[in-house]
């Protein structure tokens, strides 16, 4: 039994340091005989225990955060998940997700695996996430991390952190932020598979052609017409599904490529990433 008196001030201090509940903090201090470091360790162990017990839980809620460096040359987008919409809307949860994105901006990791090994506030991010599980009581974690570099990178978050987009342009006109946002909104709404025709992978092209041919044959078209009609359907696929060839959502009289060229001759998109919550 502890011989040290645990005061309300002690409990509150530990709560402020860890974010754990009042009763959990009191119990941890009592079990550690008032030793703050030991109490923090106890709470962290509890977090790890909670994490282990929730590994089979679905965590499809959460937030998507997209940010760029101050010079606009690089951007990152992360998806940070939890189990319930209630937690996803919590200001502390969103702030923690933002701190992960800030860490990625600062340290420029090459992968999600590298990101979780970085230190956040003196502790490895992977361990900090375990502590968050103990604090929140839900399974949380980073499920996606993407980065983009370019002459001008614009970040866009859509739908209350439900979807994030990064767009890289090959130049930085005076209105680059506005133009980039327009293109990012296009990507958010239309979900292109690639920037241009030449960027579509061969497996996707083969699949689209095979589907088209099967449909054409099922319609009873002569075999000698199948290839020609399938080629036409593939061109329609390019128009609908590649960014630069799509109709611009803000002006359907133009493609996205024409819109960009009207802004500045030769302006185009060099890269993009689209991360949708739970997708």
Protein backbone atom coordinates (compact mmCIF):
# COMPACT_ATOMS: atom_id res chain seq x y z
CA UNK A 1 0.00 0.00 0.00
CA UNK A 2 1.28 3.46 -0.88
CA UNK A 3 2.40 5.60 2.07
CA UNK A 4 2.60 8.72 -0.10
CA UNK A 5 -0.40 11.02 -0.13
CA UNK A 6 -1.61 11.52 -3.70
CA UNK A 7 -3.11 15.00 -4.00
CA UNK A 8 -5.57 16.30 -6.55
CA UNK A 9 -2.82 18.61 -7.79
CA UNK A 10 -0.56 15.59 -8.42
CA UNK A 11 -3.31 13.81 -10.34
CA UNK A 12 -4.04 16.92 -12.41
CA UNK A 13 -0.34 17.41 -13.16
CA UNK A 14 -0.04 13.84 -14.45
CA UNK A 15 -3.25 14.27 -16.43
CA UNK A 16 -1.85 17.42 -18.06
CA UNK A 17 1.38 15.59 -18.93
CA UNK A 18 -0.24 12.46 -20.35
CA UNK A 19 -3.82 13.30 -21.29
CA UNK A 20 -5.02 10.16 -19.46
CA UNK A 21 -8.22 10.15 -17.40
CA UNK A 22 -8.28 11.39 -13.80
CA UNK A 23 -8.96 7.95 -12.28
CA UNK A 24 -6.29 6.32 -14.41
CA UNK A 25 -3.79 8.98 -13.30
CA UNK A 26 -4.69 8.56 -9.63
CA UNK A 27 -4.35 4.78 -9.89
CA UNK A 28 -1.00 5.05 -11.70
CA UNK A 29 0.39 7.44 -9.05
CA UNK A 30 -0.86 5.25 -6.23
CA UNK A 31 0.69 2.11 -7.74
CA UNK A 32 4.00 3.95 -8.33
CA UNK A 33 4.03 5.41 -4.78
CA UNK A 34 3.92 8.96 -6.16
CA UNK A 35 6.80 8.50 -8.62
CA UNK A 36 5.77 10.53 -11.69
CA UNK A 37 8.15 8.79 -14.12
CA UNK A 38 6.98 5.36 -13.00
CA UNK A 39 3.36 6.50 -13.21
CA UNK A 40 3.92 7.68 -16.80
CA UNK A 41 5.49 4.31 -17.61
CA UNK A 42 2.49 2.56 -16.08
CA UNK A 43 0.11 4.60 -18.22
CA UNK A 44 2.17 3.87 -21.32
CA UNK A 45 2.06 0.16 -20.52
CA UNK A 46 -1.68 0.44 -20.16
CA UNK A 47 -1.75 2.08 -23.58
CA UNK A 48 0.23 -0.81 -25.03
CA UNK A 49 -2.15 -3.26 -23.40
CA UNK A 50 -5.15 -1.43 -24.86
CA UNK A 51 -3.45 -1.40 -28.26
CA UNK A 52 -2.90 -5.14 -28.15
CA UNK A 53 -6.49 -5.82 -27.15
CA UNK A 54 -7.90 -3.70 -29.98
CA UNK A 55 -5.86 -5.02 -32.90
CA UNK A 56 -8.88 -6.82 -34.34
CA UNK A 57 -11.05 -3.69 -34.28
CA UNK A 58 -11.95 -1.79 -37.44
CA UNK A 59 -10.53 1.75 -37.61
CA UNK A 60 -12.10 3.25 -40.72
CA UNK A 61 -12.89 6.67 -39.29
CA UNK A 62 -10.34 9.43 -38.80
CA UNK A 63 -8.91 12.39 -40.68
CA UNK A 64 -6.83 13.12 -43.78
CA UNK A 65 -4.31 15.95 -43.44
CA UNK A 66 -2.49 17.55 -46.40
CA UNK A 67 0.25 20.18 -46.00
CA UNK A 68 3.11 21.79 -47.90
CA UNK A 69 6.50 23.17 -46.96
CA UNK A 70 6.84 26.93 -46.55
CA UNK A 71 8.49 27.24 -49.97
CA UNK A 72 5.71 25.24 -51.66
CA UNK A 73 8.15 22.78 -53.19
CA UNK A 74 7.00 19.66 -51.31
CA UNK A 75 3.76 18.39 -49.86
CA UNK A 76 2.63 15.50 -47.67
CA UNK A 77 -0.72 13.86 -47.04
CA UNK A 78 -1.46 11.41 -44.22
CA UNK A 79 -4.48 9.40 -43.14
CA UNK A 80 -4.78 8.99 -39.37
CA UNK A 81 -7.49 6.54 -38.34
CA UNK A 82 -9.64 5.79 -35.32
CA UNK A 83 -12.70 3.63 -34.69
CA UNK A 84 -15.49 6.19 -34.31
CA UNK A 85 -16.64 9.42 -35.91
CA UNK A 86 -16.95 10.87 -32.39
CA UNK A 87 -13.20 10.61 -31.83
CA UNK A 88 -12.41 11.77 -35.39
CA UNK A 89 -14.17 15.06 -34.65
CA UNK A 90 -12.31 15.61 -31.38
CA UNK A 91 -10.04 18.68 -31.54
CA UNK A 92 -7.17 16.90 -29.75
CA UNK A 93 -7.31 14.00 -32.22
CA UNK A 94 -7.19 16.40 -35.19
CA UNK A 95 -4.34 18.34 -33.56
CA UNK A 96 -2.34 15.14 -33.08
CA UNK A 97 -2.90 14.20 -36.73
CA UNK A 98 -1.65 17.65 -37.71
CA UNK A 99 1.46 17.15 -35.59
CA UNK A 100 2.20 13.94 -37.54
CA UNK A 101 1.86 15.83 -40.84
CA UNK A 102 4.11 18.60 -39.46
CA UNK A 103 6.69 15.97 -38.53
CA UNK A 104 6.59 14.58 -42.07
CA UNK A 105 7.02 18.08 -43.48
CA UNK A 106 10.00 18.73 -41.22
CA UNK A 107 11.83 15.40 -41.57
CA UNK A 108 10.85 14.34 -45.11
CA UNK A 109 10.59 10.55 -44.55
CA UNK A 110 10.65 8.35 -47.64
CA UNK A 111 7.87 6.01 -46.48
CA UNK A 112 5.22 5.34 -43.85
CA UNK A 113 7.65 2.94 -42.18
CA UNK A 114 10.23 5.71 -41.86
CA UNK A 115 7.61 8.19 -40.62
CA UNK A 116 6.54 6.12 -37.60
CA UNK A 117 10.19 5.65 -36.58
CA UNK A 118 10.76 9.42 -36.33
CA UNK A 119 10.71 11.17 -32.95
CA UNK A 120 7.80 13.39 -31.98
CA UNK A 121 8.36 15.43 -28.82
CA UNK A 122 11.30 13.21 -27.82
CA UNK A 123 9.49 9.91 -28.33
CA UNK A 124 9.28 7.60 -31.33
CA UNK A 125 6.02 8.26 -33.15
CA UNK A 126 5.07 4.57 -33.06
CA UNK A 127 5.30 4.65 -29.25
CA UNK A 128 3.42 7.94 -29.04
CA UNK A 129 0.60 6.40 -31.04
CA UNK A 130 0.44 3.50 -28.57
CA UNK A 131 0.13 6.05 -25.76
CA UNK A 132 -2.69 7.72 -27.69
CA UNK A 133 -4.52 4.38 -27.85
CA UNK A 134 -4.37 4.19 -24.06
CA UNK A 135 -5.53 7.80 -23.75
CA UNK A 136 -8.37 7.59 -26.29
CA UNK A 137 -9.41 3.96 -25.73
CA UNK A 138 -9.68 3.27 -29.45
CA UNK A 139 -7.41 1.72 -32.05
CA UNK A 140 -5.63 4.58 -33.85
CA UNK A 141 -2.82 4.69 -36.37
CA UNK A 142 -1.39 6.15 -39.57
CA UNK A 143 -2.61 4.05 -42.50
CA UNK A 144 -1.42 6.15 -45.45
CA UNK A 145 1.45 8.53 -46.17
CA UNK A 146 2.18 10.13 -49.54
CA UNK A 147 4.50 12.94 -50.61
CA UNK A 148 4.93 15.03 -53.75
CA UNK A 149 7.63 17.43 -54.93
CA UNK A 150 7.50 20.01 -57.71
CA UNK A 151 8.10 23.60 -58.77
CA UNK A 152 4.84 24.48 -57.00
CA UNK A 153 2.89 22.08 -54.77
CA UNK A 154 -0.60 22.87 -53.51
CA UNK A 155 -2.40 21.00 -50.72
CA UNK A 156 -6.19 20.76 -50.46
CA UNK A 157 -8.41 19.17 -47.80
CA UNK A 158 -12.03 18.39 -48.70
CA UNK A 159 -15.10 17.45 -46.69
CA UNK A 160 -14.07 18.02 -43.06
CA UNK A 161 -10.80 16.08 -43.34
CA UNK A 162 -12.38 13.23 -45.34
CA UNK A 163 -10.15 13.62 -48.40
CA UNK A 164 -6.78 15.23 -49.12
CA UNK A 165 -5.12 16.12 -52.42
CA UNK A 166 -1.62 17.21 -53.40
CA UNK A 167 -0.98 18.76 -56.83
CA UNK A 168 2.45 19.60 -58.28
CA UNK A 169 2.72 22.15 -61.10
CA UNK A 170 5.71 22.66 -63.39
CA UNK A 171 5.71 26.42 -62.78
CA UNK A 172 4.48 28.96 -60.23
CA UNK A 173 2.33 31.66 -61.86
CA UNK A 174 1.14 34.59 -59.74
CA UNK A 175 -2.18 32.84 -59.06
CA UNK A 176 -0.65 29.38 -58.55
CA UNK A 177 -2.44 28.76 -55.24
CA UNK A 178 -5.85 29.48 -56.77
CA UNK A 179 -5.11 27.47 -59.92
CA UNK A 180 -3.72 24.57 -57.90
CA UNK A 181 -6.79 24.53 -55.67
CA UNK A 182 -9.06 24.40 -58.74
CA UNK A 183 -7.12 21.41 -60.08
CA UNK A 184 -7.08 19.76 -56.64
CA UNK A 185 -10.88 20.14 -56.43
CA UNK A 186 -11.10 18.52 -59.87
CA UNK A 187 -9.04 15.58 -58.61
CA UNK A 188 -11.16 15.31 -55.45
CA UNK A 189 -14.40 15.24 -57.46
CA UNK A 190 -13.39 13.23 -60.54
CA UNK A 191 -10.77 10.84 -59.11
CA UNK A 192 -8.54 10.50 -62.22
CA UNK A 193 -6.38 7.39 -62.52
CA UNK A 194 -3.40 9.23 -64.04
CA UNK A 195 -2.22 12.63 -65.27
CA UNK A 196 -2.32 11.88 -69.02
CA UNK A 197 -2.83 9.00 -71.47
CA UNK A 198 0.81 7.95 -71.35
CA UNK A 199 0.71 7.64 -67.56
CA UNK A 200 -1.97 4.93 -67.48
CA UNK A 201 -0.41 1.56 -66.64
CA UNK A 202 -0.60 -1.20 -69.23
CA UNK A 203 -2.70 -3.51 -67.03
CA UNK A 204 -5.42 -0.87 -66.75
CA UNK A 205 -5.41 -0.34 -70.53
CA UNK A 206 -5.64 -4.08 -71.17
CA UNK A 207 -8.51 -4.42 -68.71
CA UNK A 208 -10.45 -1.55 -70.27
CA UNK A 209 -9.98 -2.97 -73.78
CA UNK A 210 -11.09 -6.44 -72.73
CA UNK A 211 -14.20 -5.09 -71.00
CA UNK A 212 -15.00 -2.98 -74.05
CA UNK A 213 -14.58 -5.93 -76.43
CA UNK A 214 -16.79 -8.18 -74.29
CA UNK A 215 -19.54 -5.53 -74.23
CA UNK A 216 -19.27 -4.96 -77.99
CA UNK A 217 -19.47 -8.69 -78.76
CA UNK A 218 -22.44 -9.06 -76.39
CA UNK A 219 -24.18 -6.34 -78.40
CA UNK A 220 -23.80 -8.53 -81.50
CA UNK A 221 -21.43 -6.27 -83.42
CA UNK A 222 -19.46 -7.90 -86.28
CA UNK A 223 -16.01 -9.17 -85.21
CA UNK A 224 -14.26 -6.98 -87.79
CA UNK A 225 -15.66 -3.90 -86.01
CA UNK A 226 -14.70 -4.94 -82.49
CA UNK A 227 -11.15 -3.55 -82.45
CA UNK A 228 -12.18 -0.19 -83.92
CA UNK A 229 -15.09 0.30 -81.55
CA UNK A 230 -12.95 -0.82 -78.57
CA UNK A 231 -10.33 1.78 -79.51
CA UNK A 232 -13.03 4.42 -79.45
CA UNK A 233 -14.17 3.30 -76.01
CA UNK A 234 -10.57 3.45 -74.79
CA UNK A 235 -10.32 7.06 -75.96
CA UNK A 236 -13.50 7.77 -74.01
CA UNK A 237 -11.87 6.18 -70.97
CA UNK A 238 -8.85 8.49 -71.37
CA UNK A 239 -11.16 11.50 -71.61
CA UNK A 240 -13.08 10.52 -68.48
CA UNK A 241 -10.27 9.14 -66.37
CA UNK A 242 -7.02 11.04 -67.05
CA UNK A 243 -6.71 14.43 -65.40
CA UNK A 244 -5.48 16.60 -68.26
CA UNK A 245 -8.07 15.19 -70.67
CA UNK A 246 -11.07 15.52 -68.36
CA UNK A 247 -13.59 18.30 -68.84
CA UNK A 248 -12.71 21.06 -66.39
CA UNK A 249 -15.45 21.02 -63.72
CA UNK A 250 -15.56 24.83 -63.48
CA UNK A 251 -15.81 25.31 -67.26
CA UNK A 252 -16.95 22.30 -69.30
CA UNK A 253 -15.97 24.01 -72.56
CA UNK A 254 -12.32 23.29 -71.69
CA UNK A 255 -10.23 20.32 -70.67
CA UNK A 256 -8.01 20.66 -67.61
CA UNK A 257 -5.01 20.86 -69.97
CA UNK A 258 -6.59 23.78 -71.85
CA UNK A 259 -7.48 25.54 -68.59
CA UNK A 260 -3.86 25.32 -67.39
CA UNK A 261 -2.45 26.45 -70.73
CA UNK A 262 -4.78 29.46 -70.68
CA UNK A 263 -3.41 30.42 -67.27
CA UNK A 264 0.18 30.24 -68.52
CA UNK A 265 1.43 28.69 -71.74
CA UNK A 266 2.97 25.29 -71.02
CA UNK A 267 1.63 25.11 -67.45
CA UNK A 268 0.80 21.52 -66.51
CA UNK A 269 0.55 19.02 -63.67
CA UNK A 270 3.65 16.92 -62.97
CA UNK A 271 2.29 14.83 -60.09
CA UNK A 272 -0.70 14.39 -57.82
CA UNK A 273 -1.83 12.28 -54.88
CA UNK A 274 -5.39 11.72 -53.69
CA UNK A 275 -6.07 10.11 -50.30
CA UNK A 276 -9.67 9.40 -49.29
CA UNK A 277 -10.62 8.32 -45.79
CA UNK A 278 -11.26 4.60 -45.64
CA UNK A 279 -10.67 4.03 -49.36
